[in-house]
Amino acid sequence: MELASAGETETPMQKYHRLNCEVKELQEEIEKVLTSDKSQKDDQEKQELAGVAGKVRLLHDELDKIKLEEVLGSQLIKVCVIGY
């Protein structure tokens, strides 16, 4: 997958893949905080973060269900570019 250069407008496919990747990264970051023994979060903050984690997981599932490649007939490969 090719990303839009700075100043260029993203295509719907580029935006879809970027959003999918960013949601997945957010999901992973939240899981790290929740499973970290070094976390300074209190119980209430962890419960709130767990609630957010559930919503992020649902969002990621919904993005996966879209199958935009099939809808648009694209042969693009899903690639998550680190540091986008």
C-alpha atoms as a PDB file:
ATOM      1  CA  MET A   1       0.000   0.000   0.000  1.00  0.00           C
ATOM      2  CA  GLU A   2       1.255   3.429  -0.860  1.00  0.00           C
ATOM      3  CA  LEU A   3       0.686   6.308   1.521  1.00  0.00           C
ATOM      4  CA  ALA A   4      -0.160   9.840   0.479  1.00  0.00           C
ATOM      5  CA  SER A   5       2.768  12.246   0.558  1.00  0.00           C
ATOM      6  CA  ALA A   6       2.683  15.327   2.732  1.00  0.00           C
ATOM      7  CA  GLY A   7       0.229  17.787   1.253  1.00  0.00           C
ATOM      8  CA  GLU A   8      -1.518  15.170  -0.911  1.00  0.00           C
ATOM      9  CA  THR A   9      -5.088  14.122  -0.301  1.00  0.00           C
ATOM     10  CA  GLU A  10      -5.524  10.528   0.849  1.00  0.00           C
ATOM     11  CA  THR A  11      -7.566   8.201  -1.296  1.00  0.00           C
ATOM     12  CA  PRO A  12     -10.384   6.365   0.463  1.00  0.00           C
ATOM     13  CA  MET A  13      -8.254   3.191   0.481  1.00  0.00           C
ATOM     14  CA  GLN A  14      -5.247   4.978   1.941  1.00  0.00           C
ATOM     15  CA  LYS A  15      -7.405   6.534   4.654  1.00  0.00           C
ATOM     16  CA  TYR A  16      -9.075   3.184   5.418  1.00  0.00           C
ATOM     17  CA  HIS A  17      -5.718   1.433   5.811  1.00  0.00           C
ATOM     18  CA  ARG A  18      -4.265   4.255   7.910  1.00  0.00           C
ATOM     19  CA  LEU A  19      -7.287   4.276  10.212  1.00  0.00           C
ATOM     20  CA  ASN A  20      -7.208   0.499  10.523  1.00  0.00           C
ATOM     21  CA  CYS A  21      -3.517   0.594  11.428  1.00  0.00           C
ATOM     22  CA  GLU A  22      -3.893   3.443  13.892  1.00  0.00           C
ATOM     23  CA  VAL A  23      -6.808   1.766  15.652  1.00  0.00           C
ATOM     24  CA  LYS A  24      -4.781  -1.455  15.917  1.00  0.00           C
ATOM     25  CA  GLU A  25      -1.817   0.469  17.347  1.00  0.00           C
ATOM     26  CA  LEU A  26      -4.100   2.213  19.876  1.00  0.00           C
ATOM     27  CA  GLN A  27      -5.512  -1.162  20.877  1.00  0.00           C
ATOM     28  CA  GLU A  28      -1.995  -2.498  21.473  1.00  0.00           C
ATOM     29  CA  GLU A  29      -0.953   0.586  23.486  1.00  0.00           C
ATOM     30  CA  ILE A  30      -4.001   0.314  25.741  1.00  0.00           C
ATOM     31  CA  GLU A  31      -3.351  -3.394  26.317  1.00  0.00           C
ATOM     32  CA  LYS A  32       0.254  -2.623  27.308  1.00  0.00           C
ATOM     33  CA  VAL A  33      -0.923  -0.115  29.908  1.00  0.00           C
ATOM     34  CA  LEU A  34      -3.573  -2.482  31.263  1.00  0.00           C
ATOM     35  CA  THR A  35      -1.174  -5.412  31.565  1.00  0.00           C
ATOM     36  CA  SER A  36       1.804  -3.441  32.854  1.00  0.00           C
ATOM     37  CA  ASP A  37       2.704  -4.089  36.482  1.00  0.00           C
ATOM     38  CA  LYS A  38       4.485  -0.733  36.482  1.00  0.00           C
ATOM     39  CA  SER A  39       1.310   1.169  35.607  1.00  0.00           C
ATOM     40  CA  GLN A  40       0.615   4.046  37.996  1.00  0.00           C
ATOM     41  CA  LYS A  41      -3.108   3.977  37.144  1.00  0.00           C
ATOM     42  CA  ASP A  42      -5.584   3.505  39.976  1.00  0.00           C
ATOM     43  CA  ASP A  43      -8.485   1.045  39.761  1.00  0.00           C
ATOM     44  CA  GLN A  44     -10.949   3.627  38.447  1.00  0.00           C
ATOM     45  CA  GLU A  45      -8.567   4.731  35.683  1.00  0.00           C
ATOM     46  CA  LYS A  46      -7.901   1.111  34.725  1.00  0.00           C
ATOM     47  CA  GLN A  47     -11.658   0.409  34.567  1.00  0.00           C
ATOM     48  CA  GLU A  48     -12.179   3.449  32.347  1.00  0.00           C
ATOM     49  CA  LEU A  49      -9.267   2.389  30.148  1.00  0.00           C
ATOM     50  CA  ALA A  50     -10.677  -1.136  29.951  1.00  0.00           C
ATOM     51  CA  GLY A  51     -13.970   0.371  28.748  1.00  0.00           C
ATOM     52  CA  VAL A  52     -12.134   2.361  26.108  1.00  0.00           C
ATOM     53  CA  ALA A  53     -10.223  -0.789  25.122  1.00  0.00           C
ATOM     54  CA  GLY A  54     -13.523  -2.574  24.496  1.00  0.00           C
ATOM     55  CA  LYS A  55     -14.762   0.258  22.281  1.00  0.00           C
ATOM     56  CA  VAL A  56     -11.488   0.377  20.363  1.00  0.00           C
ATOM     57  CA  ARG A  57     -11.692  -3.392  19.835  1.00  0.00           C
ATOM     58  CA  LEU A  58     -15.251  -3.007  18.480  1.00  0.00           C
ATOM     59  CA  LEU A  59     -14.100  -0.195  16.192  1.00  0.00           C
ATOM     60  CA  HIS A  60     -11.279  -2.350  14.852  1.00  0.00           C
ATOM     61  CA  ASP A  61     -13.695  -5.237  14.286  1.00  0.00           C
ATOM     62  CA  GLU A  62     -16.050  -2.924  12.382  1.00  0.00           C
ATOM     63  CA  LEU A  63     -13.209  -1.633  10.211  1.00  0.00           C
ATOM     64  CA  ASP A  64     -12.231  -5.233   9.452  1.00  0.00           C
ATOM     65  CA  LYS A  65     -15.821  -6.067   8.489  1.00  0.00           C
ATOM     66  CA  ILE A  66     -15.962  -3.277   5.916  1.00  0.00           C
ATOM     67  CA  LYS A  67     -13.643  -5.141   3.538  1.00  0.00           C
ATOM     68  CA  LEU A  68     -13.220  -1.959   1.525  1.00  0.00           C
ATOM     69  CA  GLU A  69     -10.977  -3.770  -0.947  1.00  0.00           C
ATOM     70  CA  GLU A  70     -13.908  -5.964  -1.960  1.00  0.00           C
ATOM     71  CA  VAL A  71     -16.310  -3.034  -2.168  1.00  0.00           C
ATOM     72  CA  LEU A  72     -13.968  -0.974  -4.336  1.00  0.00           C
ATOM     73  CA  GLY A  73     -12.558  -3.966  -6.217  1.00  0.00           C
ATOM     74  CA  SER A  74      -9.017  -3.093  -5.192  1.00  0.00           C
ATOM     75  CA  GLN A  75      -6.157  -5.575  -5.019  1.00  0.00           C
ATOM     76  CA  LEU A  76      -4.336  -3.533  -2.375  1.00  0.00           C
ATOM     77  CA  ILE A  77      -2.564  -5.354   0.422  1.00  0.00           C
ATOM     78  CA  LYS A  78      -3.173  -4.289   4.014  1.00  0.00           C
ATOM     79  CA  VAL A  79       0.038  -2.889   5.416  1.00  0.00           C
ATOM     80  CA  CYS A  80       0.490  -1.082   8.682  1.00  0.00           C
ATOM     81  CA  VAL A  81       3.315   1.412   8.329  1.00  0.00           C
ATOM     82  CA  ILE A  82       4.965   2.106  11.680  1.00  0.00           C
ATOM     83  CA  GLY A  83       5.475   5.738  12.431  1.00  0.00           C
ATOM     84  CA  TYR A  84       2.898   7.042   9.957  1.00  0.00           C
END
